[in-house]
Amino acid sequence: MARGDVARLYHELSSYESVTEWRTPDWQPLVPKNFETDVLETFPAPCKAYPAELPRVELPRSWPSR
């Protein structure tokens, strides 16, 4: 790919206007053919989640004054 092609491709594939219907580009093999937009079940989590079994580190409750 030429310089800047990756950025242009990302922009083209991720651009979305609410007034137009998003269509899967037939020419792009990186996009799944059965992709559906705005499906809440496939949205990423709003924040990072960690397994409960990870060790926890207690942080200090106060900081020493200078």
PDB file of N, CA and C in Angstrom:
ATOM      1  N   MET A   1       0.841  -1.184   0.000  1.00  0.00           N
ATOM      2  CA  MET A   1       0.000   0.000   0.000  1.00  0.00           C
ATOM      3  C   MET A   1       0.883   1.243   0.000  1.00  0.00           C
ATOM      4  N   ALA A   2       0.431   2.244  -0.677  1.00  0.00           N
ATOM      5  CA  ALA A   2       1.166   3.503  -0.713  1.00  0.00           C
ATOM      6  C   ALA A   2       0.984   4.250   0.605  1.00  0.00           C
ATOM      7  N   ARG A   3       1.870   5.177   0.852  1.00  0.00           N
ATOM      8  CA  ARG A   3       1.823   5.968   2.084  1.00  0.00           C
ATOM      9  C   ARG A   3       0.454   6.651   2.200  1.00  0.00           C
ATOM     10  N   GLY A   4      -0.195   6.483   3.336  1.00  0.00           N
ATOM     11  CA  GLY A   4      -1.491   7.103   3.590  1.00  0.00           C
ATOM     12  C   GLY A   4      -2.685   6.255   3.192  1.00  0.00           C
ATOM     13  N   ASP A   5      -2.456   5.149   2.458  1.00  0.00           N
ATOM     14  CA  ASP A   5      -3.577   4.312   2.028  1.00  0.00           C
ATOM     15  C   ASP A   5      -4.309   3.659   3.200  1.00  0.00           C
ATOM     16  N   VAL A   6      -3.575   3.240   4.224  1.00  0.00           N
ATOM     17  CA  VAL A   6      -4.202   2.595   5.377  1.00  0.00           C
ATOM     18  C   VAL A   6      -5.123   3.579   6.090  1.00  0.00           C
ATOM     19  N   ALA A   7      -4.668   4.806   6.271  1.00  0.00           N
ATOM     20  CA  ALA A   7      -5.494   5.816   6.928  1.00  0.00           C
ATOM     21  C   ALA A   7      -6.738   6.126   6.099  1.00  0.00           C
ATOM     22  N   ARG A   8      -6.576   6.232   4.784  1.00  0.00           N
ATOM     23  CA  ARG A   8      -7.733   6.505   3.924  1.00  0.00           C
ATOM     24  C   ARG A   8      -8.719   5.342   3.948  1.00  0.00           C
ATOM     25  N   LEU A   9      -8.210   4.113   3.921  1.00  0.00           N
ATOM     26  CA  LEU A   9      -9.077   2.945   3.975  1.00  0.00           C
ATOM     27  C   LEU A   9      -9.831   2.898   5.303  1.00  0.00           C
ATOM     28  N   TYR A  10      -9.130   3.128   6.410  1.00  0.00           N
ATOM     29  CA  TYR A  10      -9.788   3.140   7.724  1.00  0.00           C
ATOM     30  C   TYR A  10     -10.881   4.197   7.759  1.00  0.00           C
ATOM     31  N   HIS A  11     -10.581   5.380   7.247  1.00  0.00           N
ATOM     32  CA  HIS A  11     -11.578   6.451   7.241  1.00  0.00           C
ATOM     33  C   HIS A  11     -12.797   6.057   6.416  1.00  0.00           C
ATOM     34  N   GLU A  12     -12.557   5.478   5.255  1.00  0.00           N
ATOM     35  CA  GLU A  12     -13.668   5.093   4.390  1.00  0.00           C
ATOM     36  C   GLU A  12     -14.531   4.010   5.029  1.00  0.00           C
ATOM     37  N   LEU A  13     -13.895   3.030   5.685  1.00  0.00           N
ATOM     38  CA  LEU A  13     -14.645   1.927   6.283  1.00  0.00           C
ATOM     39  C   LEU A  13     -15.295   2.295   7.607  1.00  0.00           C
ATOM     40  N   SER A  14     -14.800   3.323   8.292  1.00  0.00           N
ATOM     41  CA  SER A  14     -15.352   3.669   9.602  1.00  0.00           C
ATOM     42  C   SER A  14     -16.196   4.933   9.585  1.00  0.00           C
ATOM     43  N   SER A  15     -16.267   5.628   8.469  1.00  0.00           N
ATOM     44  CA  SER A  15     -17.088   6.834   8.384  1.00  0.00           C
ATOM     45  C   SER A  15     -18.558   6.443   8.393  1.00  0.00           C
ATOM     46  N   TYR A  16     -19.322   7.227   9.087  1.00  0.00           N
ATOM     47  CA  TYR A  16     -20.743   6.930   9.212  1.00  0.00           C
ATOM     48  C   TYR A  16     -21.500   8.235   9.313  1.00  0.00           C
ATOM     49  N   GLU A  17     -22.515   8.385   8.509  1.00  0.00           N
ATOM     50  CA  GLU A  17     -23.392   9.538   8.590  1.00  0.00           C
ATOM     51  C   GLU A  17     -24.777   9.021   8.948  1.00  0.00           C
ATOM     52  N   SER A  18     -25.402   9.640   9.930  1.00  0.00           N
ATOM     53  CA  SER A  18     -26.695   9.143  10.390  1.00  0.00           C
ATOM     54  C   SER A  18     -27.788   9.292   9.346  1.00  0.00           C
ATOM     55  N   VAL A  19     -27.593  10.158   8.359  1.00  0.00           N
ATOM     56  CA  VAL A  19     -28.629  10.365   7.344  1.00  0.00           C
ATOM     57  C   VAL A  19     -28.533   9.363   6.199  1.00  0.00           C
ATOM     58  N   THR A  20     -27.462   8.583   6.146  1.00  0.00           N
ATOM     59  CA  THR A  20     -27.318   7.600   5.079  1.00  0.00           C
ATOM     60  C   THR A  20     -27.254   6.201   5.669  1.00  0.00           C
ATOM     61  N   GLU A  21     -27.619   5.239   4.877  1.00  0.00           N
ATOM     62  CA  GLU A  21     -27.546   3.851   5.322  1.00  0.00           C
ATOM     63  C   GLU A  21     -26.156   3.307   5.015  1.00  0.00           C
ATOM     64  N   TRP A  22     -25.545   2.675   5.999  1.00  0.00           N
ATOM     65  CA  TRP A  22     -24.205   2.110   5.800  1.00  0.00           C
ATOM     66  C   TRP A  22     -24.329   0.842   4.996  1.00  0.00           C
ATOM     67  N   ARG A  23     -23.513   0.717   3.980  1.00  0.00           N
ATOM     68  CA  ARG A  23     -23.515  -0.484   3.143  1.00  0.00           C
ATOM     69  C   ARG A  23     -22.149  -1.167   3.225  1.00  0.00           C
ATOM     70  N   THR A  24     -22.162  -2.477   3.287  1.00  0.00           N
ATOM     71  CA  THR A  24     -20.912  -3.222   3.292  1.00  0.00           C
ATOM     72  C   THR A  24     -20.262  -3.103   1.925  1.00  0.00           C
ATOM     73  N   PRO A  25     -19.031  -2.620   1.874  1.00  0.00           N
ATOM     74  CA  PRO A  25     -18.371  -2.518   0.569  1.00  0.00           C
ATOM     75  C   PRO A  25     -18.025  -3.901   0.023  1.00  0.00           C
ATOM     76  N   ASP A  26     -18.542  -4.220  -1.150  1.00  0.00           N
ATOM     77  CA  ASP A  26     -18.294  -5.536  -1.760  1.00  0.00           C
ATOM     78  C   ASP A  26     -16.835  -5.721  -2.140  1.00  0.00           C
ATOM     79  N   TRP A  27     -16.140  -4.634  -2.382  1.00  0.00           N
ATOM     80  CA  TRP A  27     -14.760  -4.717  -2.847  1.00  0.00           C
ATOM     81  C   TRP A  27     -13.776  -4.949  -1.705  1.00  0.00           C
ATOM     82  N   GLN A  28     -14.206  -4.837  -0.439  1.00  0.00           N
ATOM     83  CA  GLN A  28     -13.271  -4.905   0.687  1.00  0.00           C
ATOM     84  C   GLN A  28     -13.387  -6.251   1.410  1.00  0.00           C
ATOM     85  N   PRO A  29     -12.393  -7.130   1.296  1.00  0.00           N
ATOM     86  CA  PRO A  29     -12.468  -8.441   1.942  1.00  0.00           C
ATOM     87  C   PRO A  29     -12.299  -8.392   3.464  1.00  0.00           C
ATOM     88  N   LEU A  30     -11.866  -7.255   4.033  1.00  0.00           N
ATOM     89  CA  LEU A  30     -11.672  -7.168   5.480  1.00  0.00           C
ATOM     90  C   LEU A  30     -12.978  -6.977   6.250  1.00  0.00           C
ATOM     91  N   VAL A  31     -14.049  -6.603   5.563  1.00  0.00           N
ATOM     92  CA  VAL A  31     -15.335  -6.359   6.221  1.00  0.00           C
ATOM     93  C   VAL A  31     -16.212  -7.589   6.047  1.00  0.00           C
ATOM     94  N   PRO A  32     -16.764  -8.133   7.151  1.00  0.00           N
ATOM     95  CA  PRO A  32     -17.645  -9.299   7.025  1.00  0.00           C
ATOM     96  C   PRO A  32     -18.861  -8.980   6.156  1.00  0.00           C
ATOM     97  N   LYS A  33     -19.296  -9.932   5.371  1.00  0.00           N
ATOM     98  CA  LYS A  33     -20.434  -9.718   4.466  1.00  0.00           C
ATOM     99  C   LYS A  33     -21.756  -9.613   5.220  1.00  0.00           C
ATOM    100  N   ASN A  34     -21.853 -10.206   6.405  1.00  0.00           N
ATOM    101  CA  ASN A  34     -23.105 -10.170   7.159  1.00  0.00           C
ATOM    102  C   ASN A  34     -23.074  -9.117   8.268  1.00  0.00           C
ATOM    103  N   PHE A  35     -22.227  -8.105   8.137  1.00  0.00           N
ATOM    104  CA  PHE A  35     -22.080  -7.073   9.158  1.00  0.00           C
ATOM    105  C   PHE A  35     -23.347  -6.242   9.268  1.00  0.00           C
ATOM    106  N   GLU A  36     -23.797  -6.009  10.497  1.00  0.00           N
ATOM    107  CA  GLU A  36     -24.953  -5.162  10.751  1.00  0.00           C
ATOM    108  C   GLU A  36     -24.522  -4.044  11.695  1.00  0.00           C
ATOM    109  N   THR A  37     -24.942  -2.821  11.390  1.00  0.00           N
ATOM    110  CA  THR A  37     -24.592  -1.691  12.242  1.00  0.00           C
ATOM    111  C   THR A  37     -25.582  -1.565  13.393  1.00  0.00           C
ATOM    112  N   ASP A  38     -25.123  -0.936  14.456  1.00  0.00           N
ATOM    113  CA  ASP A  38     -25.967  -0.583  15.608  1.00  0.00           C
ATOM    114  C   ASP A  38     -26.694  -1.770  16.238  1.00  0.00           C
ATOM    115  N   VAL A  39     -26.029  -2.902  16.348  1.00  0.00           N
ATOM    116  CA  VAL A  39     -26.577  -4.053  17.047  1.00  0.00           C
ATOM    117  C   VAL A  39     -26.005  -4.015  18.461  1.00  0.00           C
ATOM    118  N   LEU A  40     -26.846  -3.728  19.443  1.00  0.00           N
ATOM    119  CA  LEU A  40     -26.364  -3.509  20.805  1.00  0.00           C
ATOM    120  C   LEU A  40     -25.663  -4.734  21.394  1.00  0.00           C
ATOM    121  N   GLU A  41     -26.050  -5.927  20.981  1.00  0.00           N
ATOM    122  CA  GLU A  41     -25.415  -7.133  21.516  1.00  0.00           C
ATOM    123  C   GLU A  41     -23.950  -7.244  21.108  1.00  0.00           C
ATOM    124  N   THR A  42     -23.550  -6.586  20.029  1.00  0.00           N
ATOM    125  CA  THR A  42     -22.172  -6.678  19.570  1.00  0.00           C
ATOM    126  C   THR A  42     -21.347  -5.438  19.905  1.00  0.00           C
ATOM    127  N   PHE A  43     -21.920  -4.479  20.626  1.00  0.00           N
ATOM    128  CA  PHE A  43     -21.170  -3.290  21.024  1.00  0.00           C
ATOM    129  C   PHE A  43     -20.103  -3.685  22.041  1.00  0.00           C
ATOM    130  N   PRO A  44     -18.956  -3.040  22.017  1.00  0.00           N
ATOM    131  CA  PRO A  44     -17.936  -3.330  23.029  1.00  0.00           C
ATOM    132  C   PRO A  44     -18.380  -2.824  24.396  1.00  0.00           C
ATOM    133  N   ALA A  45     -17.775  -3.364  25.422  1.00  0.00           N
ATOM    134  CA  ALA A  45     -18.092  -2.939  26.791  1.00  0.00           C
ATOM    135  C   ALA A  45     -17.725  -1.465  26.975  1.00  0.00           C
ATOM    136  N   PRO A  46     -18.486  -0.720  27.789  1.00  0.00           N
ATOM    137  CA  PRO A  46     -18.185   0.698  27.974  1.00  0.00           C
ATOM    138  C   PRO A  46     -16.919   0.952  28.790  1.00  0.00           C
ATOM    139  N   CYS A  47     -16.444  -0.065  29.493  1.00  0.00           N
ATOM    140  CA  CYS A  47     -15.205   0.098  30.252  1.00  0.00           C
ATOM    141  C   CYS A  47     -14.491  -1.256  30.319  1.00  0.00           C
ATOM    142  N   LYS A  48     -13.232  -1.214  30.713  1.00  0.00           N
ATOM    143  CA  LYS A  48     -12.417  -2.425  30.793  1.00  0.00           C
ATOM    144  C   LYS A  48     -12.893  -3.305  31.950  1.00  0.00           C
ATOM    145  N   ALA A  49     -12.977  -4.586  31.720  1.00  0.00           N
ATOM    146  CA  ALA A  49     -13.364  -5.539  32.758  1.00  0.00           C
ATOM    147  C   ALA A  49     -12.224  -6.535  32.945  1.00  0.00           C
ATOM    148  N   TYR A  50     -11.937  -6.862  34.176  1.00  0.00           N
ATOM    149  CA  TYR A  50     -10.856  -7.786  34.502  1.00  0.00           C
ATOM    150  C   TYR A  50     -11.420  -9.006  35.207  1.00  0.00           C
ATOM    151  N   PRO A  51     -10.815 -10.178  35.040  1.00  0.00           N
ATOM    152  CA  PRO A  51     -11.277 -11.379  35.747  1.00  0.00           C
ATOM    153  C   PRO A  51     -11.176 -11.185  37.263  1.00  0.00           C
ATOM    154  N   ALA A  52     -12.127 -11.739  37.985  1.00  0.00           N
ATOM    155  CA  ALA A  52     -12.183 -11.576  39.439  1.00  0.00           C
ATOM    156  C   ALA A  52     -10.986 -12.220  40.135  1.00  0.00           C
ATOM    157  N   GLU A  53     -10.363 -13.224  39.536  1.00  0.00           N
ATOM    158  CA  GLU A  53      -9.264 -13.939  40.199  1.00  0.00           C
ATOM    159  C   GLU A  53      -7.918 -13.221  40.121  1.00  0.00           C
ATOM    160  N   LEU A  54      -7.840 -12.101  39.431  1.00  0.00           N
ATOM    161  CA  LEU A  54      -6.576 -11.359  39.381  1.00  0.00           C
ATOM    162  C   LEU A  54      -6.227 -10.797  40.758  1.00  0.00           C
ATOM    163  N   PRO A  55      -4.935 -10.746  41.095  1.00  0.00           N
ATOM    164  CA  PRO A  55      -4.564 -10.182  42.401  1.00  0.00           C
ATOM    165  C   PRO A  55      -4.877  -8.686  42.454  1.00  0.00           C
ATOM    166  N   ARG A  56      -5.217  -8.224  43.658  1.00  0.00           N
ATOM    167  CA  ARG A  56      -5.534  -6.813  43.857  1.00  0.00           C
ATOM    168  C   ARG A  56      -4.443  -6.160  44.677  1.00  0.00           C
ATOM    169  N   VAL A  57      -4.166  -4.930  44.372  1.00  0.00           N
ATOM    170  CA  VAL A  57      -3.151  -4.167  45.093  1.00  0.00           C
ATOM    171  C   VAL A  57      -3.847  -3.016  45.795  1.00  0.00           C
ATOM    172  N   GLU A  58      -3.695  -2.967  47.094  1.00  0.00           N
ATOM    173  CA  GLU A  58      -4.311  -1.896  47.877  1.00  0.00           C
ATOM    174  C   GLU A  58      -3.538  -0.604  47.643  1.00  0.00           C
ATOM    175  N   LEU A  59      -4.234   0.426  47.243  1.00  0.00           N
ATOM    176  CA  LEU A  59      -3.605   1.728  47.028  1.00  0.00           C
ATOM    177  C   LEU A  59      -3.669   2.543  48.312  1.00  0.00           C
ATOM    178  N   PRO A  60      -2.727   3.463  48.510  1.00  0.00           N
ATOM    179  CA  PRO A  60      -2.741   4.277  49.727  1.00  0.00           C
ATOM    180  C   PRO A  60      -4.008   5.151  49.792  1.00  0.00           C
ATOM    181  N   ARG A  61      -4.519   5.325  50.997  1.00  0.00           N
ATOM    182  CA  ARG A  61      -5.715   6.150  51.178  1.00  0.00           C
ATOM    183  C   ARG A  61      -5.373   7.617  51.335  1.00  0.00           C
ATOM    184  N   SER A  62      -4.154   7.909  51.735  1.00  0.00           N
ATOM    185  CA  SER A  62      -3.725   9.305  51.863  1.00  0.00           C
ATOM    186  C   SER A  62      -2.266   9.405  51.421  1.00  0.00           C
ATOM    187  N   TRP A  63      -1.860  10.605  51.072  1.00  0.00           N
ATOM    188  CA  TRP A  63      -0.507  10.850  50.620  1.00  0.00           C
ATOM    189  C   TRP A  63       0.239  11.620  51.685  1.00  0.00           C
ATOM    190  N   PRO A  64       1.512  11.296  51.863  1.00  0.00           N
ATOM    191  CA  PRO A  64       2.277  12.045  52.864  1.00  0.00           C
ATOM    192  C   PRO A  64       2.453  13.512  52.431  1.00  0.00           C
ATOM    193  N   SER A  65       2.383  14.416  53.403  1.00  0.00           N
ATOM    194  CA  SER A  65       2.594  15.822  53.071  1.00  0.00           C
ATOM    195  C   SER A  65       4.093  16.089  52.927  1.00  0.00           C
ATOM    196  N   ARG A  66       4.427  17.129  52.203  1.00  0.00           N
ATOM    197  CA  ARG A  66       5.829  17.431  51.954  1.00  0.00           C
ATOM    198  C   ARG A  66       6.424  18.227  53.060  1.00  0.00           C
TER     199      ARG A  66
END
